[in-house]
Amino acid sequence: KYSFKTFLNSLKMSFIIKRKKFDYGIDLRGSIMNSLFLLYLAGIKERISRSDWHKEISLFLTKTIKPNPKEHIIKQNLDIINKGLNINSKNFWPEIITDEKDKKNANNFIKKNNLKKYICIFPGTNNILQNWGIKNFDLLVKYINKKYPNYKILIIGGSEDEKEVYELSK
């Protein structure tokens, strides 16, 4: 949510970034606020972002890239990075950073709930363009239940996903 505090924090961050003297900045979210404050006002020489969500964003960028709308967001992001930096990386698999405490908590949860075969589904997103819809997730859950009856399905999410998690759990 945009507020005066958000504006001030973004302005402060642009000064911090400016002191670092970055040559390249890539905004994978296609956010006007990010492109303005974290790239343009921060004085980054090469400012790159997607061009398909906010057309006016190009005012703050040196390069805009229109990703393939039929690809998953992870592949779109890799395409933006590749084209923006003129490289050809093929590794788009996201890495989930964990520590020993995370692993211990996960193992305790698995043991406590006697999970042998399970599938996790995370229905949440903070971007309306990336939202798959509760009905599609419901169909997926029903399909998995029918096709893989020996698997438990874990519907996971943060506090902001409570409604979707509850609906799918029913």
Foldseek 3Di string as FASTA:
>chain_A
DDDVVNVVVLQVQLCVLLVVAAQEDEDAVLDLSCLVRVPQSSPHNAYEYECPPDVVSVVSHPYYHHFDLVDASLVSSVVRVCVSVVHDDDDSDDDDDDDPVVVVVVVVVCVVVVFDAEEEDEQDDPDPSNHPDLVVVLVVVVVCCVVPVVYYYHYDDDPVCVVSNVVSVD
